[in-house]
PDB file of all heavy atoms in Angstrom:
ATOM      1  N   LYS A   1     -97.167 -76.986-196.026  1.00  0.00           N
ATOM      2  CA  LYS A   1     -96.143 -78.020-196.139  1.00  0.00           C
ATOM      3  C   LYS A   1     -96.169 -78.742-197.484  1.00  0.00           C
ATOM      4  O   LYS A   1     -95.137 -79.245-197.943  1.00  0.00           O
ATOM      5  CB  LYS A   1     -96.297 -79.048-195.011  1.00  0.00           C
ATOM      6  CG  LYS A   1     -95.797 -78.577-193.656  1.00  0.00           C
ATOM      7  CD  LYS A   1     -95.888 -79.695-192.632  1.00  0.00           C
ATOM      8  CE  LYS A   1     -95.272 -79.282-191.311  1.00  0.00           C
ATOM      9  NZ  LYS A   1     -95.312 -80.392-190.310  1.00  0.00           N
ATOM     10  N   THR A   2     -97.336 -78.808-198.092  1.00  0.00           N
ATOM     11  CA  THR A   2     -97.474 -79.611-199.315  1.00  0.00           C
ATOM     12  C   THR A   2     -97.739 -78.791-200.563  1.00  0.00           C
ATOM     13  O   THR A   2     -97.747 -79.338-201.660  1.00  0.00           O
ATOM     14  CB  THR A   2     -98.618 -80.629-199.142  1.00  0.00           C
ATOM     15  OG1 THR A   2     -99.832 -79.928-198.824  1.00  0.00           O
ATOM     16  CG2 THR A   2     -98.295 -81.608-198.021  1.00  0.00           C
ATOM     17  N   ARG A   3     -97.937 -77.482-200.405  1.00  0.00           N
ATOM     18  CA  ARG A   3     -98.254 -76.651-201.567  1.00  0.00           C
ATOM     19  C   ARG A   3     -97.264 -75.497-201.694  1.00  0.00           C
ATOM     20  O   ARG A   3     -97.636 -74.338-201.776  1.00  0.00           O
ATOM     21  CB  ARG A   3     -99.691 -76.132-201.474  1.00  0.00           C
ATOM     22  CG  ARG A   3    -100.725 -77.231-201.688  1.00  0.00           C
ATOM     23  CD  ARG A   3    -102.115 -76.777-201.310  1.00  0.00           C
ATOM     24  NE  ARG A   3    -103.121 -77.774-201.624  1.00  0.00           N
ATOM     25  CZ  ARG A   3    -103.373 -78.833-200.857  1.00  0.00           C
ATOM     26  NH1 ARG A   3    -102.690 -79.019-199.744  1.00  0.00           N
ATOM     27  NH2 ARG A   3    -104.317 -79.713-201.198  1.00  0.00           N
ATOM     28  N   ASN A   4     -96.007 -75.845-201.705  1.00  0.00           N
ATOM     29  CA  ASN A   4     -94.945 -74.855-201.821  1.00  0.00           C
ATOM     30  C   ASN A   4     -94.015 -75.224-202.970  1.00  0.00           C
ATOM     31  O   ASN A   4     -94.139 -76.293-203.560  1.00  0.00           O
ATOM     32  CB  ASN A   4     -94.152 -74.783-200.505  1.00  0.00           C
ATOM     33  CG  ASN A   4     -93.614 -76.146-200.109  1.00  0.00           C
ATOM     34  OD1 ASN A   4     -92.604 -76.618-200.638  1.00  0.00           O
ATOM     35  ND2 ASN A   4     -94.297 -76.811-199.173  1.00  0.00           N
ATOM     36  N   ILE A   5     -93.081 -74.362-203.258  1.00  0.00           N
ATOM     37  CA  ILE A   5     -92.219 -74.558-204.416  1.00  0.00           C
ATOM     38  C   ILE A   5     -91.293 -75.760-204.241  1.00  0.00           C
ATOM     39  O   ILE A   5     -90.938 -76.431-205.214  1.00  0.00           O
ATOM     40  CB  ILE A   5     -91.399 -73.267-204.701  1.00  0.00           C
ATOM     41  CG1 ILE A   5     -90.707 -73.352-206.060  1.00  0.00           C
ATOM     42  CG2 ILE A   5     -90.426 -72.988-203.586  1.00  0.00           C
ATOM     43  CD1 ILE A   5     -91.649 -73.456-207.218  1.00  0.00           C
ATOM     44  N   LEU A   6     -90.879 -76.075-203.007  1.00  0.00           N
ATOM     45  CA  LEU A   6     -90.017 -77.241-202.775  1.00  0.00           C
ATOM     46  C   LEU A   6     -90.747 -78.528-203.122  1.00  0.00           C
ATOM     47  O   LEU A   6     -90.219 -79.381-203.849  1.00  0.00           O
ATOM     48  CB  LEU A   6     -89.556 -77.283-201.312  1.00  0.00           C
ATOM     49  CG  LEU A   6     -88.787 -78.550-200.908  1.00  0.00           C
ATOM     50  CD1 LEU A   6     -87.416 -78.574-201.572  1.00  0.00           C
ATOM     51  CD2 LEU A   6     -88.656 -78.656-199.393  1.00  0.00           C
ATOM     52  N   THR A   7     -91.968 -78.674-202.614  1.00  0.00           N
ATOM     53  CA  THR A   7     -92.748 -79.883-202.890  1.00  0.00           C
ATOM     54  C   THR A   7     -93.080 -79.987-204.372  1.00  0.00           C
ATOM     55  O   THR A   7     -93.071 -81.079-204.945  1.00  0.00           O
ATOM     56  CB  THR A   7     -94.039 -79.869-202.060  1.00  0.00           C
ATOM     57  OG1 THR A   7     -93.715 -79.693-200.672  1.00  0.00           O
ATOM     58  CG2 THR A   7     -94.796 -81.174-202.211  1.00  0.00           C
ATOM     59  N   ALA A   8     -93.334 -78.853-205.001  1.00  0.00           N
ATOM     60  CA  ALA A   8     -93.696 -78.872-206.417  1.00  0.00           C
ATOM     61  C   ALA A   8     -92.529 -79.303-207.298  1.00  0.00           C
ATOM     62  O   ALA A   8     -92.723 -79.931-208.337  1.00  0.00           O
ATOM     63  CB  ALA A   8     -94.200 -77.499-206.846  1.00  0.00           C
ATOM     64  N   THR A   9     -91.288 -78.966-206.888  1.00  0.00           N
ATOM     65  CA  THR A   9     -90.126 -79.256-207.735  1.00  0.00           C
ATOM     66  C   THR A   9     -89.447 -80.574-207.381  1.00  0.00           C
ATOM     67  O   THR A   9     -88.877 -81.230-208.266  1.00  0.00           O
ATOM     68  CB  THR A   9     -89.093 -78.130-207.617  1.00  0.00           C
ATOM     69  OG1 THR A   9     -88.761 -77.920-206.234  1.00  0.00           O
ATOM     70  CG2 THR A   9     -89.643 -76.842-208.200  1.00  0.00           C
ATOM     71  N   THR A  10     -89.471 -80.979-206.125  1.00  0.00           N
ATOM     72  CA  THR A  10     -88.743 -82.182-205.708  1.00  0.00           C
ATOM     73  C   THR A  10     -89.642 -83.273-205.144  1.00  0.00           C
ATOM     74  O   THR A  10     -89.197 -84.404-204.981  1.00  0.00           O
ATOM     75  CB  THR A  10     -87.684 -81.829-204.644  1.00  0.00           C
ATOM     76  OG1 THR A  10     -88.353 -81.408-203.434  1.00  0.00           O
ATOM     77  CG2 THR A  10     -86.783 -80.710-205.126  1.00  0.00           C
ATOM     78  N   GLY A  11     -90.881 -82.944-204.807  1.00  0.00           N
ATOM     79  CA  GLY A  11     -91.768 -83.912-204.182  1.00  0.00           C
ATOM     80  C   GLY A  11     -91.529 -84.069-202.695  1.00  0.00           C
ATOM     81  O   GLY A  11     -92.207 -84.849-202.025  1.00  0.00           O
ATOM     82  N   GLN A  12     -90.571 -83.322-202.128  1.00  0.00           N
ATOM     83  CA  GLN A  12     -90.240 -83.402-200.714  1.00  0.00           C
ATOM     84  C   GLN A  12     -91.119 -82.449-199.906  1.00  0.00           C
ATOM     85  O   GLN A  12     -91.341 -81.310-200.304  1.00  0.00           O
ATOM     86  CB  GLN A  12     -88.758 -83.057-200.510  1.00  0.00           C
ATOM     87  CG  GLN A  12     -88.303 -83.065-199.057  1.00  0.00           C
ATOM     88  CD  GLN A  12     -86.845 -82.664-198.927  1.00  0.00           C
ATOM     89  OE1 GLN A  12     -86.112 -82.582-199.923  1.00  0.00           O
ATOM     90  NE2 GLN A  12     -86.400 -82.418-197.713  1.00  0.00           N
ATOM     91  N   GLU A  13     -91.616 -82.922-198.777  1.00  0.00           N
ATOM     92  CA  GLU A  13     -92.447 -82.070-197.924  1.00  0.00           C
ATOM     93  C   GLU A  13     -91.580 -81.055-197.200  1.00  0.00           C
ATOM     94  O   GLU A  13     -90.517 -81.372-196.670  1.00  0.00           O
ATOM     95  CB  GLU A  13     -93.215 -82.914-196.916  1.00  0.00           C
ATOM     96  CG  GLU A  13     -94.171 -82.096-196.044  1.00  0.00           C
ATOM     97  CD  GLU A  13     -95.000 -82.962-195.102  1.00  0.00           C
ATOM     98  OE1 GLU A  13     -96.024 -83.492-195.555  1.00  0.00           O
ATOM     99  OE2 GLU A  13     -94.597 -83.110-193.928  1.00  0.00           O
ATOM    100  N   LEU A  14     -92.008 -79.818-197.173  1.00  0.00           N
ATOM    101  CA  LEU A  14     -91.285 -78.740-196.503  1.00  0.00           C
ATOM    102  C   LEU A  14     -91.380 -78.918-194.985  1.00  0.00           C
ATOM    103  O   LEU A  14     -92.456 -79.132-194.436  1.00  0.00           O
ATOM    104  CB  LEU A  14     -91.861 -77.388-196.913  1.00  0.00           C
ATOM    105  CG  LEU A  14     -91.184 -76.143-196.333  1.00  0.00           C
ATOM    106  CD1 LEU A  14     -89.759 -76.021-196.845  1.00  0.00           C
ATOM    107  CD2 LEU A  14     -91.989 -74.890-196.695  1.00  0.00           C
ATOM    108  N   ASP A  15     -90.248 -78.830-194.305  1.00  0.00           N
ATOM    109  CA  ASP A  15     -90.197 -78.941-192.847  1.00  0.00           C
ATOM    110  C   ASP A  15     -90.384 -77.549-192.243  1.00  0.00           C
ATOM    111  O   ASP A  15     -89.534 -76.675-192.430  1.00  0.00           O
ATOM    112  CB  ASP A  15     -88.862 -79.544-192.420  1.00  0.00           C
ATOM    113  CG  ASP A  15     -88.814 -79.870-190.931  1.00  0.00           C
ATOM    114  OD1 ASP A  15     -89.890 -79.863-190.287  1.00  0.00           O
ATOM    115  OD2 ASP A  15     -87.703 -80.138-190.411  1.00  0.00           O
ATOM    116  N   ILE A  16     -91.487 -77.327-191.556  1.00  0.00           N
ATOM    117  CA  ILE A  16     -91.789 -76.038-190.935  1.00  0.00           C
ATOM    118  C   ILE A  16     -91.811 -76.225-189.422  1.00  0.00           C
ATOM    119  O   ILE A  16     -92.575 -77.042-188.903  1.00  0.00           O
ATOM    120  CB  ILE A  16     -93.136 -75.479-191.429  1.00  0.00           C
ATOM    121  CG1 ILE A  16     -93.145 -75.370-192.958  1.00  0.00           C
ATOM    122  CG2 ILE A  16     -93.412 -74.121-190.808  1.00  0.00           C
ATOM    123  CD1 ILE A  16     -94.458 -74.869-193.531  1.00  0.00           C
ATOM    124  N   VAL A  17     -90.961 -75.481-188.710  1.00  0.00           N
ATOM    125  CA  VAL A  17     -90.806 -75.665-187.271  1.00  0.00           C
ATOM    126  C   VAL A  17     -90.847 -74.310-186.561  1.00  0.00           C
ATOM    127  O   VAL A  17     -90.515 -73.280-187.146  1.00  0.00           O
ATOM    128  CB  VAL A  17     -89.474 -76.377-186.953  1.00  0.00           C
ATOM    129  CG1 VAL A  17     -89.449 -77.778-187.549  1.00  0.00           C
ATOM    130  CG2 VAL A  17     -88.286 -75.566-187.446  1.00  0.00           C
ATOM    131  N   PRO A  18     -91.233 -74.302-185.269  1.00  0.00           N
ATOM    132  CA  PRO A  18     -91.158 -73.064-184.491  1.00  0.00           C
ATOM    133  C   PRO A  18     -89.751 -72.853-183.946  1.00  0.00           C
ATOM    134  O   PRO A  18     -89.067 -73.806-183.571  1.00  0.00           O
ATOM    135  CB  PRO A  18     -92.162 -73.310-183.358  1.00  0.00           C
ATOM    136  CG  PRO A  18     -92.134 -74.803-183.165  1.00  0.00           C
ATOM    137  CD  PRO A  18     -91.875 -75.405-184.520  1.00  0.00           C
ATOM    138  N   MET A  19     -89.301 -71.592-183.907  1.00  0.00           N
ATOM    139  CA  MET A  19     -88.004 -71.228-183.329  1.00  0.00           C
ATOM    140  C   MET A  19     -88.197 -70.053-182.396  1.00  0.00           C
ATOM    141  O   MET A  19     -88.615 -68.971-182.829  1.00  0.00           O
ATOM    142  CB  MET A  19     -87.002 -70.854-184.425  1.00  0.00           C
ATOM    143  CG  MET A  19     -86.554 -71.990-185.321  1.00  0.00           C
ATOM    144  SD  MET A  19     -85.294 -71.431-186.505  1.00  0.00           S
ATOM    145  CE  MET A  19     -85.052 -72.925-187.473  1.00  0.00           C
ATOM    146  N   LYS A  20     -87.891 -70.247-181.124  1.00  0.00           N
ATOM    147  CA  LYS A  20     -88.108 -69.176-180.154  1.00  0.00           C
ATOM    148  C   LYS A  20     -87.188 -67.983-180.405  1.00  0.00           C
ATOM    149  O   LYS A  20     -87.508 -66.854-180.027  1.00  0.00           O
ATOM    150  CB  LYS A  20     -87.913 -69.692-178.730  1.00  0.00           C
ATOM    151  CG  LYS A  20     -86.468 -69.997-178.355  1.00  0.00           C
ATOM    152  CD  LYS A  20     -86.352 -70.376-176.888  1.00  0.00           C
ATOM    153  CE  LYS A  20     -84.902 -70.621-176.490  1.00  0.00           C
ATOM    154  NZ  LYS A  20     -84.766 -70.957-175.061  1.00  0.00           N
ATOM    155  N   TRP A  21     -86.041 -68.210-181.041  1.00  0.00           N
ATOM    156  CA  TRP A  21     -85.106 -67.115-181.290  1.00  0.00           C
ATOM    157  C   TRP A  21     -85.595 -66.161-182.372  1.00  0.00           C
ATOM    158  O   TRP A  21     -84.997 -65.112-182.603  1.00  0.00           O
ATOM    159  CB  TRP A  21     -83.734 -67.682-181.653  1.00  0.00           C
ATOM    160  CG  TRP A  21     -83.097 -68.408-180.523  1.00  0.00           C
ATOM    161  CD1 TRP A  21     -83.104 -69.758-180.305  1.00  0.00           C
ATOM    162  CD2 TRP A  21     -82.372 -67.844-179.427  1.00  0.00           C
ATOM    163  NE1 TRP A  21     -82.430 -70.065-179.154  1.00  0.00           N
ATOM    164  CE2 TRP A  21     -81.962 -68.908-178.597  1.00  0.00           C
ATOM    165  CE3 TRP A  21     -82.016 -66.537-179.077  1.00  0.00           C
ATOM    166  CZ2 TRP A  21     -81.229 -68.703-177.431  1.00  0.00           C
ATOM    167  CZ3 TRP A  21     -81.281 -66.340-177.915  1.00  0.00           C
ATOM    168  CH2 TRP A  21     -80.893 -67.418-177.112  1.00  0.00           C
ATOM    169  N   LEU A  22     -86.686 -66.506-183.062  1.00  0.00           N
ATOM    170  CA  LEU A  22     -87.282 -65.616-184.050  1.00  0.00           C
ATOM    171  C   LEU A  22     -88.404 -64.773-183.453  1.00  0.00           C
ATOM    172  O   LEU A  22     -88.990 -63.939-184.143  1.00  0.00           O
ATOM    173  CB  LEU A  22     -87.825 -66.431-185.229  1.00  0.00           C
ATOM    174  CG  LEU A  22     -86.772 -67.137-186.096  1.00  0.00           C
ATOM    175  CD1 LEU A  22     -87.442 -68.148-187.023  1.00  0.00           C
ATOM    176  CD2 LEU A  22     -85.961 -66.129-186.898  1.00  0.00           C
ATOM    177  N   ASP A  23     -88.708 -64.994-182.181  1.00  0.00           N
ATOM    178  CA  ASP A  23     -89.780 -64.250-181.513  1.00  0.00           C
ATOM    179  C   ASP A  23     -89.407 -62.774-181.382  1.00  0.00           C
ATOM    180  O   ASP A  23     -88.226 -62.425-181.199  1.00  0.00           O
ATOM    181  CB  ASP A  23     -90.042 -64.853-180.135  1.00  0.00           C
ATOM    182  CG  ASP A  23     -91.261 -64.261-179.472  1.00  0.00           C
ATOM    183  OD1 ASP A  23     -91.121 -63.236-178.771  1.00  0.00           O
ATOM    184  OD2 ASP A  23     -92.355 -64.822-179.651  1.00  0.00           O
ATOM    185  N   LYS A  24     -90.410 -61.909-181.439  1.00  0.00           N
ATOM    186  CA  LYS A  24     -90.173 -60.466-181.387  1.00  0.00           C
ATOM    187  C   LYS A  24     -89.520 -60.019-180.090  1.00  0.00           C
ATOM    188  O   LYS A  24     -88.925 -58.930-180.037  1.00  0.00           O
ATOM    189  CB  LYS A  24     -91.481 -59.713-181.585  1.00  0.00           C
ATOM    190  CG  LYS A  24     -92.589 -60.054-180.606  1.00  0.00           C
ATOM    191  CD  LYS A  24     -93.838 -59.246-180.915  1.00  0.00           C
ATOM    192  CE  LYS A  24     -95.024 -59.682-180.072  1.00  0.00           C
ATOM    193  NZ  LYS A  24     -95.478 -61.052-180.450  1.00  0.00           N
ATOM    194  N   ALA A  25     -89.593 -60.836-179.025  1.00  0.00           N
ATOM    195  CA  ALA A  25     -88.944 -60.480-177.769  1.00  0.00           C
ATOM    196  C   ALA A  25     -87.432 -60.366-177.923  1.00  0.00           C
ATOM    197  O   ALA A  25     -86.773 -59.667-177.151  1.00  0.00           O
ATOM    198  CB  ALA A  25     -89.275 -61.519-176.694  1.00  0.00           C
ATOM    199  N   ASN A  26     -86.878 -61.033-178.920  1.00  0.00           N
ATOM    200  CA  ASN A  26     -85.442 -60.969-179.159  1.00  0.00           C
ATOM    201  C   ASN A  26     -85.052 -59.821-180.091  1.00  0.00           C
ATOM    202  O   ASN A  26     -83.865 -59.625-180.367  1.00  0.00           O
ATOM    203  CB  ASN A  26     -84.959 -62.292-179.771  1.00  0.00           C
ATOM    204  CG  ASN A  26     -85.094 -63.443-178.795  1.00  0.00           C
ATOM    205  OD1 ASN A  26     -84.428 -63.482-177.775  1.00  0.00           O
ATOM    206  ND2 ASN A  26     -85.970 -64.384-179.112  1.00  0.00           N
ATOM    207  N   TYR A  27     -86.053 -59.065-180.586  1.00  0.00           N
ATOM    208  CA  TYR A  27     -85.797 -57.940-181.477  1.00  0.00           C
ATOM    209  C   TYR A  27     -86.580 -56.727-180.988  1.00  0.00           C
ATOM    210  O   TYR A  27     -87.536 -56.272-181.639  1.00  0.00           O
ATOM    211  CB  TYR A  27     -86.180 -58.294-182.918  1.00  0.00           C
ATOM    212  CG  TYR A  27     -85.537 -59.567-183.403  1.00  0.00           C
ATOM    213  CD1 TYR A  27     -86.211 -60.789-183.303  1.00  0.00           C
ATOM    214  CD2 TYR A  27     -84.252 -59.577-183.921  1.00  0.00           C
ATOM    215  CE1 TYR A  27     -85.622 -61.973-183.726  1.00  0.00           C
ATOM    216  CE2 TYR A  27     -83.650 -60.751-184.346  1.00  0.00           C
ATOM    217  CZ  TYR A  27     -84.341 -61.944-184.244  1.00  0.00           C
ATOM    218  OH  TYR A  27     -83.745 -63.116-184.653  1.00  0.00           O
ATOM    219  N   PRO A  28     -86.217 -56.186-179.819  1.00  0.00           N
ATOM    220  CA  PRO A  28     -87.007 -55.093-179.223  1.00  0.00           C
ATOM    221  C   PRO A  28     -87.023 -53.831-180.070  1.00  0.00           C
ATOM    222  O   PRO A  28     -87.948 -53.028-179.958  1.00  0.00           O
ATOM    223  CB  PRO A  28     -86.300 -54.857-177.875  1.00  0.00           C
ATOM    224  CG  PRO A  28     -84.912 -55.398-178.063  1.00  0.00           C
ATOM    225  CD  PRO A  28     -85.054 -56.562-178.997  1.00  0.00           C
ATOM    226  N   SER A  29     -86.024 -53.635-180.918  1.00  0.00           N
ATOM    227  CA  SER A  29     -85.988 -52.408-181.729  1.00  0.00           C
ATOM    228  C   SER A  29     -87.064 -52.411-182.809  1.00  0.00           C
ATOM    229  O   SER A  29     -87.556 -51.346-183.211  1.00  0.00           O
ATOM    230  CB  SER A  29     -84.611 -52.242-182.381  1.00  0.00           C
ATOM    231  OG  SER A  29     -84.313 -53.345-183.222  1.00  0.00           O
ATOM    232  N   THR A  30     -87.427 -53.590-183.302  1.00  0.00           N
ATOM    233  CA  THR A  30     -88.456 -53.680-184.344  1.00  0.00           C
ATOM    234  C   THR A  30     -89.768 -54.247-183.827  1.00  0.00           C
ATOM    235  O   THR A  30     -90.829 -53.958-184.369  1.00  0.00           O
ATOM    236  CB  THR A  30     -87.959 -54.561-185.502  1.00  0.00           C
ATOM    237  OG1 THR A  30     -87.630 -55.877-184.990  1.00  0.00           O
ATOM    238  CG2 THR A  30     -86.724 -53.955-186.143  1.00  0.00           C
ATOM    239  N   ASN A  31     -89.704 -55.069-182.785  1.00  0.00           N
ATOM    240  CA  ASN A  31     -90.881 -55.660-182.154  1.00  0.00           C
ATOM    241  C   ASN A  31     -91.759 -56.425-183.143  1.00  0.00           C
ATOM    242  O   ASN A  31     -92.984 -56.346-183.113  1.00  0.00           O
ATOM    243  CB  ASN A  31     -91.721 -54.587-181.459  1.00  0.00           C
ATOM    244  CG  ASN A  31     -92.721 -55.188-180.484  1.00  0.00           C
ATOM    245  OD1 ASN A  31     -92.440 -56.191-179.822  1.00  0.00           O
ATOM    246  ND2 ASN A  31     -93.901 -54.597-180.387  1.00  0.00           N
TER     247      ASN A  31
END
């Protein structure tokens, strides 16, 4: 959250959140 390109350029903390729709269960062809 604090050592990424966004924080380095703007001083803003990166918002990192979980999303269930990105889970592999929703992409059975690639898993």
